[in-house]
Amino acid sequence: MRLKEFLQSLTKTAKSIYPCRFEWQQAHFEVKISGNAQSLADELVKKGGYLLLDIKQDDKNTMEINCMQKEEK
């Protein structure tokens, strides 16, 4: 839920968010963005409290961003 709410708050970057699948400690979303995936990844790290693990480009229009929520102290 926290990730979905964070993505929804990125109104300039994330144009639409579609939850696809939820598994143990994983959430998969399809997100249509304005701009590029790197700017979304930067937002996840700077403002969202996530650690960026990797970005994979599947094709011209599809990328996969893997991140992990930072542990709260």
C-alpha atoms as a PDB file:
ATOM      1  CA  MET A   1       0.000   0.000   0.000  1.00  0.00           C
ATOM      2  CA  ARG A   2       2.814   2.395   0.853  1.00  0.00           C
ATOM      3  CA  LEU A   3       4.369   2.042  -2.609  1.00  0.00           C
ATOM      4  CA  LYS A   4       1.040   2.503  -4.369  1.00  0.00           C
ATOM      5  CA  GLU A   5       0.278   5.646  -2.353  1.00  0.00           C
ATOM      6  CA  PHE A   6       3.754   7.012  -3.066  1.00  0.00           C
ATOM      7  CA  LEU A   7       3.392   6.395  -6.809  1.00  0.00           C
ATOM      8  CA  GLN A   8      -0.019   8.086  -6.784  1.00  0.00           C
ATOM      9  CA  SER A   9       1.565  11.160  -5.176  1.00  0.00           C
ATOM     10  CA  LEU A  10       3.936  11.552  -8.144  1.00  0.00           C
ATOM     11  CA  THR A  11       1.361  13.312 -10.306  1.00  0.00           C
ATOM     12  CA  LYS A  12       3.956  14.873 -12.635  1.00  0.00           C
ATOM     13  CA  THR A  13       5.820  11.591 -13.229  1.00  0.00           C
ATOM     14  CA  ALA A  14       3.362   8.692 -12.760  1.00  0.00           C
ATOM     15  CA  LYS A  15       0.364   9.136 -15.047  1.00  0.00           C
ATOM     16  CA  SER A  16      -1.444   5.875 -14.262  1.00  0.00           C
ATOM     17  CA  ILE A  17      -0.754   3.005 -11.873  1.00  0.00           C
ATOM     18  CA  TYR A  18      -2.097  -0.503 -12.380  1.00  0.00           C
ATOM     19  CA  PRO A  19      -1.459  -3.031  -9.586  1.00  0.00           C
ATOM     20  CA  CYS A  20      -0.680  -6.348 -11.285  1.00  0.00           C
ATOM     21  CA  ARG A  21       0.406  -8.865  -8.668  1.00  0.00           C
ATOM     22  CA  PHE A  22       1.174  -9.056  -4.967  1.00  0.00           C
ATOM     23  CA  GLU A  23       3.370 -11.761  -3.482  1.00  0.00           C
ATOM     24  CA  TRP A  24       5.266 -12.242  -0.241  1.00  0.00           C
ATOM     25  CA  GLN A  25       7.216  -8.973   0.222  1.00  0.00           C
ATOM     26  CA  GLN A  26       6.733  -8.070  -3.464  1.00  0.00           C
ATOM     27  CA  ALA A  27       4.404  -5.769  -5.354  1.00  0.00           C
ATOM     28  CA  HIS A  28       4.252  -5.590  -9.137  1.00  0.00           C
ATOM     29  CA  PHE A  29       2.772  -2.531 -10.833  1.00  0.00           C
ATOM     30  CA  GLU A  30       2.460  -1.337 -14.381  1.00  0.00           C
ATOM     31  CA  VAL A  31       3.082   2.412 -14.324  1.00  0.00           C
ATOM     32  CA  LYS A  32       2.681   4.743 -17.283  1.00  0.00           C
ATOM     33  CA  ILE A  33       5.057   7.638 -16.802  1.00  0.00           C
ATOM     34  CA  SER A  34       5.832  11.021 -18.220  1.00  0.00           C
ATOM     35  CA  GLY A  35       9.575  11.276 -18.723  1.00  0.00           C
ATOM     36  CA  ASN A  36      11.967   8.394 -18.275  1.00  0.00           C
ATOM     37  CA  ALA A  37      12.362   5.492 -15.888  1.00  0.00           C
ATOM     38  CA  GLN A  38      15.521   6.947 -14.384  1.00  0.00           C
ATOM     39  CA  SER A  39      13.601  10.003 -13.117  1.00  0.00           C
ATOM     40  CA  LEU A  40      11.008   7.687 -11.534  1.00  0.00           C
ATOM     41  CA  ALA A  41      13.814   5.649  -9.943  1.00  0.00           C
ATOM     42  CA  ASP A  42      15.386   8.855  -8.605  1.00  0.00           C
ATOM     43  CA  GLU A  43      12.059   9.827  -6.990  1.00  0.00           C
ATOM     44  CA  LEU A  44      11.755   6.375  -5.393  1.00  0.00           C
ATOM     45  CA  VAL A  45      15.196   6.784  -3.828  1.00  0.00           C
ATOM     46  CA  LYS A  46      15.074  10.480  -2.835  1.00  0.00           C
ATOM     47  CA  LYS A  47      11.511  10.854  -1.604  1.00  0.00           C
ATOM     48  CA  GLY A  48      10.110   7.368  -1.289  1.00  0.00           C
ATOM     49  CA  GLY A  49      12.642   5.757   1.001  1.00  0.00           C
ATOM     50  CA  TYR A  50      13.556   2.925  -1.360  1.00  0.00           C
ATOM     51  CA  LEU A  51      16.895   1.384  -2.316  1.00  0.00           C
ATOM     52  CA  LEU A  52      17.348   1.002  -6.060  1.00  0.00           C
ATOM     53  CA  LEU A  53      18.444  -2.514  -6.964  1.00  0.00           C
ATOM     54  CA  ASP A  54      18.433  -2.351 -10.771  1.00  0.00           C
ATOM     55  CA  ILE A  55      16.695  -1.120 -13.897  1.00  0.00           C
ATOM     56  CA  LYS A  56      16.181  -3.483 -16.851  1.00  0.00           C
ATOM     57  CA  GLN A  57      15.003  -2.274 -20.255  1.00  0.00           C
ATOM     58  CA  ASP A  58      12.961  -5.007 -21.937  1.00  0.00           C
ATOM     59  CA  ASP A  59      12.240  -3.063 -25.114  1.00  0.00           C
ATOM     60  CA  LYS A  60      11.775   0.493 -26.318  1.00  0.00           C
ATOM     61  CA  ASN A  61       8.599   1.045 -24.291  1.00  0.00           C
ATOM     62  CA  THR A  62       9.036  -1.279 -21.305  1.00  0.00           C
ATOM     63  CA  MET A  63      11.369  -1.107 -18.312  1.00  0.00           C
ATOM     64  CA  GLU A  64      11.484  -2.972 -15.030  1.00  0.00           C
ATOM     65  CA  ILE A  65      12.622  -1.137 -11.898  1.00  0.00           C
ATOM     66  CA  ASN A  66      13.527  -3.294  -8.913  1.00  0.00           C
ATOM     67  CA  CYS A  67      13.719  -1.572  -5.562  1.00  0.00           C
ATOM     68  CA  MET A  68      13.516  -2.462  -1.911  1.00  0.00           C
ATOM     69  CA  GLN A  69      11.983  -0.478   0.921  1.00  0.00           C
ATOM     70  CA  LYS A  70      14.583   0.854   3.336  1.00  0.00           C
ATOM     71  CA  GLU A  71      14.264  -0.480   6.839  1.00  0.00           C
ATOM     72  CA  GLU A  72      12.720   1.990   9.229  1.00  0.00           C
ATOM     73  CA  LYS A  73      14.679   2.593  12.426  1.00  0.00           C
END
